[in-house]
Protein backbone atom coordinates (compact mmCIF):
# COMPACT_ATOMS: atom_id res chain seq x y z
CA UNK A 1 50.10 -25.51 -13.55
CA UNK A 2 50.53 -26.87 -10.28
CA UNK A 3 52.98 -29.44 -8.76
CA UNK A 4 52.50 -32.76 -7.72
CA UNK A 5 54.34 -34.21 -4.72
CA UNK A 6 56.13 -36.64 -7.05
CA UNK A 7 57.50 -33.51 -9.11
CA UNK A 8 55.35 -34.06 -11.82
CA UNK A 9 53.27 -31.15 -13.25
CA UNK A 10 49.41 -31.28 -13.34
CA UNK A 11 46.55 -28.71 -14.22
CA UNK A 12 45.04 -27.16 -11.59
CA UNK A 13 41.13 -27.89 -11.44
CA UNK A 14 40.67 -24.59 -8.79
CA UNK A 15 38.59 -21.65 -10.27
CA UNK A 16 39.54 -17.95 -8.97
CA UNK A 17 36.44 -16.58 -8.56
CA UNK A 18 37.77 -13.29 -7.23
CA UNK A 19 37.64 -11.17 -10.70
CA UNK A 20 33.83 -12.62 -11.22
CA UNK A 21 33.08 -10.82 -8.11
CA UNK A 22 34.74 -7.86 -8.56
CA UNK A 23 32.87 -7.67 -11.78
CA UNK A 24 29.55 -8.21 -10.29
CA UNK A 25 29.95 -5.70 -7.45
CA UNK A 26 31.08 -3.33 -9.95
CA UNK A 27 27.85 -3.75 -11.93
CA UNK A 28 25.61 -3.91 -9.00
CA UNK A 29 26.87 -0.66 -7.85
CA UNK A 30 26.14 1.16 -11.52
CA UNK A 31 22.84 -0.53 -11.57
CA UNK A 32 22.08 1.13 -8.12
CA UNK A 33 23.27 4.74 -8.78
CA UNK A 34 21.45 4.72 -12.31
CA UNK A 35 18.12 3.38 -11.35
CA UNK A 36 16.86 6.39 -9.60
CA UNK A 37 18.10 8.66 -12.32
CA UNK A 38 15.74 6.88 -14.98
CA UNK A 39 13.01 9.16 -15.71
CA UNK A 40 9.70 8.17 -17.30
CA UNK A 41 7.47 10.75 -18.78
CA UNK A 42 4.63 8.54 -17.95
CA UNK A 43 3.24 7.58 -14.47
CA UNK A 44 3.23 3.59 -14.23
CA UNK A 45 -0.01 2.13 -12.90
CA UNK A 46 -0.42 -1.30 -10.95
CA UNK A 47 -3.36 -3.23 -12.00
CA UNK A 48 -4.20 -4.77 -8.72
CA UNK A 49 -6.80 -7.67 -8.35
CA UNK A 50 -7.57 -8.08 -4.47
CA UNK A 51 -8.20 -11.49 -3.38
CA UNK A 52 -12.02 -12.39 -2.42
CA UNK A 53 -12.02 -14.54 0.51
CA UNK A 54 -14.87 -17.34 1.09
CA UNK A 55 -16.09 -18.70 4.48
CA UNK A 56 -14.64 -15.41 6.12
CA UNK A 57 -16.11 -15.80 9.96
CA UNK A 58 -15.18 -12.01 10.33
CA UNK A 59 -17.85 -10.87 8.12
CA UNK A 60 -19.25 -7.36 8.96
CA UNK A 61 -22.72 -5.91 7.88
CA UNK A 62 -22.08 -2.74 6.50
CA UNK A 63 -25.51 -1.75 7.45
CA UNK A 64 -24.86 -2.42 11.01
CA UNK A 65 -25.10 0.95 12.73
CA UNK A 66 -23.21 -0.16 15.76
CA UNK A 67 -20.08 -0.63 13.81
CA UNK A 68 -17.98 2.33 13.21
CA UNK A 69 -17.45 2.10 9.50
CA UNK A 70 -15.50 4.83 7.33
CA UNK A 71 -16.84 5.00 3.84
CA UNK A 72 -15.03 6.10 0.78
CA UNK A 73 -17.24 6.15 -2.39
CA UNK A 74 -16.36 6.34 -5.73
CA UNK A 75 -16.24 10.21 -6.12
CA UNK A 76 -14.14 10.50 -2.88
CA UNK A 77 -16.70 11.46 -0.35
CA UNK A 78 -15.85 10.22 2.94
CA UNK A 79 -18.47 9.39 5.76
CA UNK A 80 -18.81 8.18 9.16
CA UNK A 81 -22.55 6.62 9.46
CA UNK A 82 -24.86 9.93 7.94
CA UNK A 83 -21.71 12.13 8.78
CA UNK A 84 -19.59 13.34 5.72
CA UNK A 85 -16.19 14.13 6.98
CA UNK A 86 -14.85 15.37 3.55
CA UNK A 87 -15.84 15.55 -0.12
CA UNK A 88 -12.43 15.12 -1.91
CA UNK A 89 -14.01 15.04 -5.49
CA UNK A 90 -12.58 18.45 -6.56
CA UNK A 91 -9.09 17.17 -6.05
CA UNK A 92 -9.36 14.40 -8.57
CA UNK A 93 -8.82 16.52 -11.52
CA UNK A 94 -5.37 17.87 -9.90
CA UNK A 95 -2.09 16.46 -10.75
CA UNK A 96 -0.34 17.70 -8.04
CA UNK A 97 1.39 15.41 -5.55
CA UNK A 98 0.04 17.08 -2.75
CA UNK A 99 -3.74 17.32 -3.86
CA UNK A 100 -5.18 15.18 -1.23
CA UNK A 101 -3.42 16.45 1.87
CA UNK A 102 -6.16 18.87 2.92
CA UNK A 103 -8.65 15.78 2.51
CA UNK A 104 -6.34 13.86 4.69
CA UNK A 105 -5.85 16.84 7.48
CA UNK A 106 -9.59 17.13 7.52
CA UNK A 107 -9.95 13.09 8.10
CA UNK A 108 -7.25 13.27 10.94
CA UNK A 109 -8.52 16.31 12.68
CA UNK A 110 -12.34 14.97 12.77
CA UNK A 111 -11.62 11.36 13.91
CA UNK A 112 -9.18 12.79 16.12
CA UNK A 113 -11.83 14.70 18.04
CA UNK A 114 -14.67 12.02 17.77
CA UNK A 115 -15.83 10.85 21.35
CA UNK A 116 -16.87 7.05 20.25
CA UNK A 117 -13.54 6.48 18.41
CA UNK A 118 -11.53 7.31 21.24
CA UNK A 119 -13.42 4.86 23.25
CA UNK A 120 -13.42 2.38 20.86
CA UNK A 121 -9.96 2.90 19.36
CA UNK A 122 -10.85 0.99 16.22
CA UNK A 123 -12.99 1.18 12.93
CA UNK A 124 -13.40 -0.44 9.88
CA UNK A 125 -12.53 1.01 6.09
CA UNK A 126 -14.93 0.43 3.36
CA UNK A 127 -13.47 2.05 0.45
CA UNK A 128 -14.66 1.69 -3.30
CA UNK A 129 -12.87 -0.45 -5.27
CA UNK A 130 -12.37 2.27 -8.13
CA UNK A 131 -10.65 4.87 -6.23
CA UNK A 132 -6.88 5.46 -6.26
CA UNK A 133 -4.74 3.36 -4.15
CA UNK A 134 -2.98 6.32 -2.91
CA UNK A 135 -5.73 7.91 -1.66
CA UNK A 136 -6.76 4.51 0.51
CA UNK A 137 -3.33 4.43 1.61
CA UNK A 138 -2.98 7.93 2.73
CA UNK A 139 -6.47 8.00 4.58
CA UNK A 140 -5.25 4.86 6.37
CA UNK A 141 -2.17 6.58 7.47
CA UNK A 142 -4.20 9.84 8.50
CA UNK A 143 -6.79 7.29 10.40
CA UNK A 144 -3.69 5.69 12.32
CA UNK A 145 -2.27 9.26 13.36
CA UNK A 146 -5.71 10.36 14.41
CA UNK A 147 -5.17 7.76 17.33
CA UNK A 148 -6.67 4.51 15.88
CA UNK A 149 -4.87 1.78 16.82
CA UNK A 150 -7.37 -1.16 15.06
CA UNK A 151 -8.37 -0.42 11.24
CA UNK A 152 -10.34 -3.30 9.70
CA UNK A 153 -10.51 -3.23 5.84
CA UNK A 154 -14.00 -4.42 4.54
CA UNK A 155 -13.90 -6.37 0.99
CA UNK A 156 -16.84 -6.92 -1.06
CA UNK A 157 -17.38 -10.61 -1.22
CA UNK A 158 -17.86 -10.78 -5.13
CA UNK A 159 -18.60 -14.15 -5.27
CA UNK A 160 -21.79 -13.83 -3.64
CA UNK A 161 -22.99 -11.53 -6.51
CA UNK A 162 -21.75 -13.55 -9.09
CA UNK A 163 -23.83 -16.02 -11.01
C-alpha cells in the first residue's frame, strides 16, 4: 500500500510489468532455440496461386522472335528460341537437394556466353505453372549470375482463355 500525503493508506494502482516482460523474453528465447530443432519427416508444400492481371500495358507476345525469352516447359526443358539450353527432366526423379545444380550450371554458362544477351542485358522468363517453384528461383538466380540485370516474368493471362 502506498502512503498518501495526509498520512492515510491507499492501494497503489500501478502495475509492475517487469516480471511479465521477464517471462515473455524467456518464452521467446525458448521458442527461438527450439523451432529449428523440430523436424518433420514430410516435406511441406505451399499451394501458390499467383495473381492474374488485367489490362496490363506491358504484355509480351511469346511468339515474337525479337524478344529474348527463356522458356521452361513442364518437362524442365530450358530453351531460348529454337535452341535447347538444357534438359533437366532426368533430375525430377532424384530426391537430392543438389539435383538441379548441373542444370543451373549449364544455364549460367550458356547465357553468360550469349552475345545478344551481353548486349541487351535483359530477358523474359516464361515458365510452365506446373514446374517446381525451387527450379524457377534457382534458374532466376543463375540468370542473374550470368550477368543479366533485368529479368521479366511472363505470366499467362488466364482470364483470356476462360469462358
